[in-house]
Amino acid sequence: MLFGDRLKNLRETANMTQVELGSLIGVSDRVVGYYEANNRFPKKQETLRKISEVFNVSVDYLVGTDGRFIQKADEQYGYSGKRQAQEILSDVKALFAGGELPEADKDDFFRTVTEMYFEAKKNNKKYGRKRLKQ
């Protein structure tokens, strides 16, 4: 399940409109619609934090890093893949939790990773994904 799918599910379960959610997190209802359609991802970590507070869930749950990423890395790539996935998540969590970077640089980092994700997703649709040998 992608971020937008989780967000829509949470919003509908709470009987909340896109307009109501948008006003609570500081974005327009149109932007909430883009999020839910998986066409956009929040550019600021503050927006993710606000969403997590509104629905009383973790940011990890919203972005899908609540353990499944590490489990999938372990299944597909073994111990070293699992270890690398854990290190990446740990480093990124440390960066956003405090770290040495100013907030503007954290936002730039997050925006860059988001852009890389959507570019890879677009290329996967365009060219198809290569299946891993099992």
N, C-alpha and C. Protein backbone atom coordinates (compact mmCIF):
# COMPACT_ATOMS: atom_id res chain seq x y z
N MET A 1 0.85 -1.17 0.00
CA MET A 1 0.00 0.00 0.00
C MET A 1 0.89 1.23 0.00
N LEU A 2 0.60 2.18 -0.88
CA LEU A 2 1.38 3.40 -0.99
C LEU A 2 0.88 4.47 -0.02
N PHE A 3 1.69 5.52 0.13
CA PHE A 3 1.35 6.61 1.04
C PHE A 3 -0.06 7.15 0.79
N GLY A 4 -0.38 7.43 -0.46
CA GLY A 4 -1.69 8.00 -0.78
C GLY A 4 -2.84 7.09 -0.41
N ASP A 5 -2.64 5.79 -0.61
CA ASP A 5 -3.66 4.82 -0.24
C ASP A 5 -3.88 4.81 1.26
N ARG A 6 -2.79 4.86 2.01
CA ARG A 6 -2.90 4.89 3.48
C ARG A 6 -3.62 6.15 3.93
N LEU A 7 -3.22 7.28 3.33
CA LEU A 7 -3.81 8.56 3.71
C LEU A 7 -5.32 8.57 3.44
N LYS A 8 -5.72 8.13 2.27
CA LYS A 8 -7.14 8.11 1.93
C LYS A 8 -7.91 7.19 2.88
N ASN A 9 -7.34 6.04 3.17
CA ASN A 9 -7.98 5.10 4.09
C ASN A 9 -8.16 5.73 5.47
N LEU A 10 -7.12 6.36 5.98
CA LEU A 10 -7.19 7.01 7.29
C LEU A 10 -8.23 8.13 7.29
N ARG A 11 -8.23 8.95 6.25
CA ARG A 11 -9.16 10.07 6.16
C ARG A 11 -10.60 9.58 6.10
N GLU A 12 -10.86 8.59 5.27
CA GLU A 12 -12.23 8.08 5.14
C GLU A 12 -12.68 7.38 6.42
N THR A 13 -11.79 6.66 7.07
CA THR A 13 -12.12 6.00 8.34
C THR A 13 -12.51 7.03 9.39
N ALA A 14 -11.87 8.21 9.34
CA ALA A 14 -12.15 9.29 10.28
C ALA A 14 -13.35 10.13 9.85
N ASN A 15 -14.01 9.74 8.73
CA ASN A 15 -15.14 10.51 8.20
C ASN A 15 -14.78 11.97 8.00
N MET A 16 -13.64 12.20 7.40
CA MET A 16 -13.12 13.54 7.20
C MET A 16 -13.08 13.83 5.70
N THR A 17 -13.35 15.07 5.32
CA THR A 17 -13.25 15.45 3.92
C THR A 17 -11.82 15.88 3.61
N GLN A 18 -11.50 15.96 2.32
CA GLN A 18 -10.19 16.45 1.92
C GLN A 18 -10.01 17.90 2.35
N VAL A 19 -11.07 18.68 2.32
CA VAL A 19 -11.01 20.08 2.74
C VAL A 19 -10.64 20.15 4.23
N GLU A 20 -11.31 19.33 5.05
CA GLU A 20 -11.03 19.33 6.49
C GLU A 20 -9.59 18.92 6.78
N LEU A 21 -9.14 17.86 6.12
CA LEU A 21 -7.76 17.41 6.34
C LEU A 21 -6.77 18.47 5.90
N GLY A 22 -7.02 19.05 4.73
CA GLY A 22 -6.12 20.09 4.22
C GLY A 22 -5.98 21.25 5.19
N SER A 23 -7.09 21.68 5.78
CA SER A 23 -7.01 22.81 6.72
C SER A 23 -6.25 22.44 7.99
N LEU A 24 -6.35 21.17 8.39
CA LEU A 24 -5.62 20.73 9.59
C LEU A 24 -4.11 20.63 9.36
N ILE A 25 -3.71 20.30 8.13
CA ILE A 25 -2.27 20.10 7.89
C ILE A 25 -1.64 21.24 7.10
N GLY A 26 -2.44 22.25 6.72
CA GLY A 26 -1.89 23.43 6.07
C GLY A 26 -1.67 23.32 4.57
N VAL A 27 -2.50 22.52 3.90
CA VAL A 27 -2.43 22.42 2.44
C VAL A 27 -3.86 22.51 1.89
N SER A 28 -3.99 22.70 0.60
CA SER A 28 -5.31 22.77 -0.01
C SER A 28 -5.91 21.38 -0.18
N ASP A 29 -7.22 21.35 -0.38
CA ASP A 29 -7.88 20.07 -0.63
C ASP A 29 -7.37 19.46 -1.93
N ARG A 30 -6.99 20.29 -2.89
CA ARG A 30 -6.44 19.79 -4.15
C ARG A 30 -5.13 19.02 -3.89
N VAL A 31 -4.29 19.56 -3.02
CA VAL A 31 -3.02 18.88 -2.69
C VAL A 31 -3.31 17.56 -1.99
N VAL A 32 -4.29 17.54 -1.08
CA VAL A 32 -4.66 16.28 -0.43
C VAL A 32 -5.08 15.27 -1.49
N GLY A 33 -5.83 15.72 -2.48
CA GLY A 33 -6.24 14.84 -3.57
C GLY A 33 -5.05 14.29 -4.34
N TYR A 34 -4.04 15.14 -4.58
CA TYR A 34 -2.82 14.68 -5.25
C TYR A 34 -2.11 13.63 -4.41
N TYR A 35 -2.05 13.87 -3.09
CA TYR A 35 -1.42 12.89 -2.20
C TYR A 35 -2.15 11.56 -2.31
N GLU A 36 -3.48 11.60 -2.21
CA GLU A 36 -4.27 10.38 -2.19
C GLU A 36 -4.21 9.63 -3.52
N ALA A 37 -3.99 10.35 -4.61
CA ALA A 37 -3.87 9.71 -5.92
C ALA A 37 -2.45 9.22 -6.18
N ASN A 38 -1.58 9.39 -5.20
CA ASN A 38 -0.16 9.03 -5.32
C ASN A 38 0.53 9.78 -6.45
N ASN A 39 0.07 11.01 -6.70
CA ASN A 39 0.71 11.87 -7.70
C ASN A 39 1.72 12.81 -7.08
N ARG A 40 1.59 13.03 -5.78
CA ARG A 40 2.54 13.87 -5.05
C ARG A 40 2.79 13.26 -3.68
N PHE A 41 3.91 13.69 -3.11
CA PHE A 41 4.27 13.26 -1.77
C PHE A 41 4.64 14.54 -1.02
N PRO A 42 4.31 14.66 0.27
CA PRO A 42 4.62 15.89 1.00
C PRO A 42 6.09 16.28 0.87
N LYS A 43 6.33 17.54 0.52
CA LYS A 43 7.69 18.03 0.34
C LYS A 43 8.36 18.33 1.67
N LYS A 44 7.57 18.62 2.68
CA LYS A 44 8.13 18.97 3.98
C LYS A 44 7.83 17.88 5.00
N GLN A 45 8.83 17.60 5.81
CA GLN A 45 8.65 16.61 6.87
C GLN A 45 7.61 17.09 7.87
N GLU A 46 7.45 18.40 8.01
CA GLU A 46 6.46 18.96 8.92
C GLU A 46 5.04 18.53 8.52
N THR A 47 4.79 18.45 7.22
CA THR A 47 3.47 18.03 6.74
C THR A 47 3.22 16.57 7.14
N LEU A 48 4.21 15.72 6.98
CA LEU A 48 4.07 14.32 7.40
C LEU A 48 3.81 14.23 8.89
N ARG A 49 4.51 15.04 9.65
CA ARG A 49 4.33 15.02 11.11
C ARG A 49 2.90 15.43 11.47
N LYS A 50 2.39 16.47 10.80
CA LYS A 50 1.02 16.92 11.07
C LYS A 50 0.00 15.83 10.73
N ILE A 51 0.20 15.16 9.59
CA ILE A 51 -0.71 14.08 9.20
C ILE A 51 -0.68 12.98 10.24
N SER A 52 0.52 12.62 10.69
CA SER A 52 0.64 11.55 11.69
C SER A 52 -0.07 11.93 12.99
N GLU A 53 0.00 13.20 13.36
CA GLU A 53 -0.67 13.66 14.58
C GLU A 53 -2.19 13.66 14.42
N VAL A 54 -2.68 14.08 13.26
CA VAL A 54 -4.12 14.12 13.01
C VAL A 54 -4.72 12.72 13.17
N PHE A 55 -4.02 11.71 12.63
CA PHE A 55 -4.58 10.36 12.64
C PHE A 55 -3.98 9.46 13.72
N ASN A 56 -3.09 10.03 14.54
CA ASN A 56 -2.47 9.29 15.63
C ASN A 56 -1.78 8.01 15.15
N VAL A 57 -0.99 8.15 14.09
CA VAL A 57 -0.18 7.06 13.56
C VAL A 57 1.26 7.57 13.43
N SER A 58 2.18 6.65 13.26
CA SER A 58 3.58 7.07 13.11
C SER A 58 3.85 7.50 11.67
N VAL A 59 4.87 8.33 11.51
CA VAL A 59 5.31 8.71 10.17
C VAL A 59 5.79 7.46 9.44
N ASP A 60 6.42 6.55 10.16
CA ASP A 60 6.86 5.29 9.55
C ASP A 60 5.69 4.54 8.93
N TYR A 61 4.56 4.52 9.62
CA TYR A 61 3.38 3.86 9.05
C TYR A 61 2.94 4.58 7.78
N LEU A 62 2.89 5.90 7.82
CA LEU A 62 2.43 6.67 6.65
C LEU A 62 3.27 6.40 5.42
N VAL A 63 4.58 6.36 5.59
CA VAL A 63 5.46 6.20 4.43
C VAL A 63 5.82 4.75 4.15
N GLY A 64 5.28 3.85 4.96
CA GLY A 64 5.47 2.43 4.68
C GLY A 64 6.79 1.86 5.14
N THR A 65 7.41 2.48 6.13
CA THR A 65 8.69 1.95 6.63
C THR A 65 8.53 1.32 8.00
N ASP A 66 7.36 0.80 8.27
CA ASP A 66 7.10 0.24 9.59
C ASP A 66 7.49 -1.24 9.68
N GLY A 67 8.62 -1.59 9.10
CA GLY A 67 9.14 -2.94 9.22
C GLY A 67 9.05 -3.74 7.93
N ARG A 68 8.10 -3.43 7.09
CA ARG A 68 7.94 -4.20 5.86
C ARG A 68 9.10 -4.00 4.90
N PHE A 69 9.63 -2.80 4.86
CA PHE A 69 10.77 -2.52 3.98
C PHE A 69 11.96 -3.41 4.35
N ILE A 70 12.24 -3.48 5.63
CA ILE A 70 13.37 -4.29 6.09
C ILE A 70 13.10 -5.77 5.85
N GLN A 71 11.88 -6.21 6.12
CA GLN A 71 11.53 -7.61 5.90
C GLN A 71 11.65 -7.96 4.41
N LYS A 72 11.18 -7.08 3.55
CA LYS A 72 11.26 -7.34 2.11
C LYS A 72 12.72 -7.38 1.64
N ALA A 73 13.55 -6.47 2.17
CA ALA A 73 14.97 -6.47 1.81
C ALA A 73 15.62 -7.77 2.24
N ASP A 74 15.25 -8.27 3.42
CA ASP A 74 15.79 -9.54 3.91
C ASP A 74 15.37 -10.69 2.99
N GLU A 75 14.10 -10.72 2.62
CA GLU A 75 13.59 -11.79 1.76
C GLU A 75 14.24 -11.78 0.37
N GLN A 76 14.42 -10.60 -0.19
CA GLN A 76 14.94 -10.50 -1.55
C GLN A 76 16.46 -10.55 -1.63
N TYR A 77 17.14 -9.98 -0.63
CA TYR A 77 18.60 -9.81 -0.75
C TYR A 77 19.39 -10.45 0.38
N GLY A 78 18.70 -11.11 1.30
CA GLY A 78 19.40 -11.78 2.38
C GLY A 78 19.87 -10.84 3.47
N TYR A 79 20.77 -11.36 4.29
CA TYR A 79 21.22 -10.63 5.47
C TYR A 79 21.86 -9.29 5.11
N SER A 80 22.71 -9.24 4.10
CA SER A 80 23.40 -7.98 3.78
C SER A 80 22.40 -6.93 3.28
N GLY A 81 21.39 -7.35 2.52
CA GLY A 81 20.36 -6.41 2.08
C GLY A 81 19.56 -5.87 3.24
N LYS A 82 19.24 -6.76 4.18
CA LYS A 82 18.51 -6.35 5.37
C LYS A 82 19.33 -5.34 6.17
N ARG A 83 20.61 -5.64 6.35
CA ARG A 83 21.49 -4.75 7.11
C ARG A 83 21.59 -3.38 6.45
N GLN A 84 21.75 -3.36 5.12
CA GLN A 84 21.82 -2.09 4.40
C GLN A 84 20.53 -1.30 4.54
N ALA A 85 19.39 -1.97 4.45
CA ALA A 85 18.10 -1.30 4.61
C ALA A 85 17.97 -0.69 6.01
N GLN A 86 18.39 -1.44 7.03
CA GLN A 86 18.34 -0.94 8.39
C GLN A 86 19.24 0.28 8.56
N GLU A 87 20.43 0.23 7.98
CA GLU A 87 21.37 1.35 8.09
C GLU A 87 20.81 2.59 7.41
N ILE A 88 20.23 2.41 6.22
CA ILE A 88 19.66 3.55 5.49
C ILE A 88 18.55 4.20 6.32
N LEU A 89 17.62 3.38 6.81
CA LEU A 89 16.52 3.93 7.61
C LEU A 89 17.02 4.59 8.88
N SER A 90 17.98 3.99 9.52
CA SER A 90 18.53 4.55 10.75
C SER A 90 19.18 5.91 10.49
N ASP A 91 19.96 5.99 9.42
CA ASP A 91 20.62 7.25 9.09
C ASP A 91 19.62 8.34 8.75
N VAL A 92 18.61 7.98 7.97
CA VAL A 92 17.61 8.98 7.58
C VAL A 92 16.79 9.43 8.79
N LYS A 93 16.43 8.48 9.66
CA LYS A 93 15.70 8.85 10.88
C LYS A 93 16.53 9.79 11.74
N ALA A 94 17.82 9.50 11.87
CA ALA A 94 18.70 10.36 12.66
C ALA A 94 18.81 11.74 12.05
N LEU A 95 18.88 11.78 10.73
CA LEU A 95 18.96 13.07 10.03
C LEU A 95 17.73 13.91 10.34
N PHE A 96 16.54 13.31 10.23
CA PHE A 96 15.31 14.07 10.43
C PHE A 96 15.02 14.34 11.90
N ALA A 97 15.53 13.51 12.78
CA ALA A 97 15.29 13.70 14.21
C ALA A 97 16.14 14.81 14.80
N GLY A 98 17.14 15.20 14.13
CA GLY A 98 18.04 16.23 14.66
C GLY A 98 19.14 16.45 13.66
N GLY A 99 20.15 15.64 13.78
CA GLY A 99 21.24 15.70 12.82
C GLY A 99 21.91 17.06 12.78
N GLU A 100 22.81 17.20 11.84
CA GLU A 100 23.59 18.42 11.73
C GLU A 100 23.07 19.38 10.66
N LEU A 101 22.24 18.87 9.76
CA LEU A 101 21.78 19.70 8.65
C LEU A 101 20.71 20.71 9.10
N PRO A 102 20.76 21.91 8.54
CA PRO A 102 19.68 22.87 8.79
C PRO A 102 18.37 22.36 8.17
N GLU A 103 17.25 22.88 8.65
CA GLU A 103 15.94 22.43 8.17
C GLU A 103 15.80 22.57 6.65
N ALA A 104 16.31 23.65 6.08
CA ALA A 104 16.19 23.85 4.63
C ALA A 104 16.92 22.74 3.87
N ASP A 105 18.08 22.32 4.36
CA ASP A 105 18.82 21.24 3.72
C ASP A 105 18.11 19.90 3.90
N LYS A 106 17.48 19.69 5.05
CA LYS A 106 16.70 18.47 5.25
C LYS A 106 15.55 18.41 4.25
N ASP A 107 14.89 19.56 4.06
CA ASP A 107 13.79 19.61 3.09
C ASP A 107 14.30 19.31 1.68
N ASP A 108 15.47 19.86 1.33
CA ASP A 108 16.05 19.58 0.02
C ASP A 108 16.37 18.11 -0.14
N PHE A 109 16.93 17.50 0.89
CA PHE A 109 17.25 16.07 0.86
C PHE A 109 15.97 15.26 0.64
N PHE A 110 14.94 15.56 1.43
CA PHE A 110 13.68 14.84 1.33
C PHE A 110 13.07 15.00 -0.06
N ARG A 111 13.12 16.20 -0.58
CA ARG A 111 12.58 16.48 -1.92
C ARG A 111 13.36 15.69 -2.97
N THR A 112 14.67 15.62 -2.84
CA THR A 112 15.50 14.89 -3.80
C THR A 112 15.19 13.40 -3.77
N VAL A 113 15.08 12.83 -2.58
CA VAL A 113 14.76 11.40 -2.46
C VAL A 113 13.38 11.14 -3.05
N THR A 114 12.43 12.02 -2.78
CA THR A 114 11.08 11.87 -3.32
C THR A 114 11.10 11.92 -4.85
N GLU A 115 11.84 12.85 -5.40
CA GLU A 115 11.95 12.96 -6.85
C GLU A 115 12.59 11.71 -7.45
N MET A 116 13.63 11.18 -6.78
CA MET A 116 14.26 9.95 -7.27
C MET A 116 13.27 8.79 -7.25
N TYR A 117 12.46 8.72 -6.20
CA TYR A 117 11.46 7.65 -6.10
C TYR A 117 10.47 7.72 -7.26
N PHE A 118 9.91 8.91 -7.50
CA PHE A 118 8.91 9.03 -8.55
C PHE A 118 9.52 8.86 -9.94
N GLU A 119 10.75 9.26 -10.12
CA GLU A 119 11.42 9.05 -11.41
C GLU A 119 11.62 7.55 -11.65
N ALA A 120 12.06 6.83 -10.62
CA ALA A 120 12.24 5.38 -10.75
C ALA A 120 10.90 4.69 -11.00
N LYS A 121 9.86 5.16 -10.32
CA LYS A 121 8.53 4.59 -10.50
C LYS A 121 8.05 4.80 -11.93
N LYS A 122 8.28 5.99 -12.46
CA LYS A 122 7.89 6.31 -13.83
C LYS A 122 8.66 5.43 -14.81
N ASN A 123 9.96 5.27 -14.60
CA ASN A 123 10.77 4.45 -15.48
C ASN A 123 10.37 2.98 -15.41
N ASN A 124 10.00 2.50 -14.22
CA ASN A 124 9.56 1.12 -14.08
C ASN A 124 8.28 0.88 -14.87
N LYS A 125 7.37 1.84 -14.86
CA LYS A 125 6.15 1.71 -15.65
C LYS A 125 6.47 1.74 -17.14
N LYS A 126 7.38 2.62 -17.48
CA LYS A 126 7.71 2.84 -18.88
C LYS A 126 8.43 1.63 -19.49
N TYR A 127 9.38 1.09 -18.77
CA TYR A 127 10.21 0.01 -19.31
C TYR A 127 9.92 -1.35 -18.71
N GLY A 128 9.11 -1.39 -17.67
CA GLY A 128 8.84 -2.66 -16.98
C GLY A 128 9.95 -3.01 -16.03
N ARG A 129 9.61 -3.69 -14.99
CA ARG A 129 10.61 -4.10 -14.00
C ARG A 129 11.20 -5.43 -14.38
N LYS A 130 12.47 -5.57 -14.16
CA LYS A 130 13.12 -6.86 -14.35
C LYS A 130 12.81 -7.74 -13.16
N ARG A 131 12.39 -8.92 -13.40
CA ARG A 131 12.07 -9.86 -12.33
C ARG A 131 13.35 -10.45 -11.75
N LEU A 132 13.36 -10.58 -10.44
CA LEU A 132 14.49 -11.20 -9.78
C LEU A 132 14.36 -12.71 -9.92
N LYS A 133 15.46 -13.39 -10.15
CA LYS A 133 15.45 -14.85 -10.21
C LYS A 133 15.25 -15.38 -8.81
N GLN A 134 14.38 -16.36 -8.69
CA GLN A 134 14.11 -16.90 -7.35
C GLN A 134 14.56 -18.32 -7.25
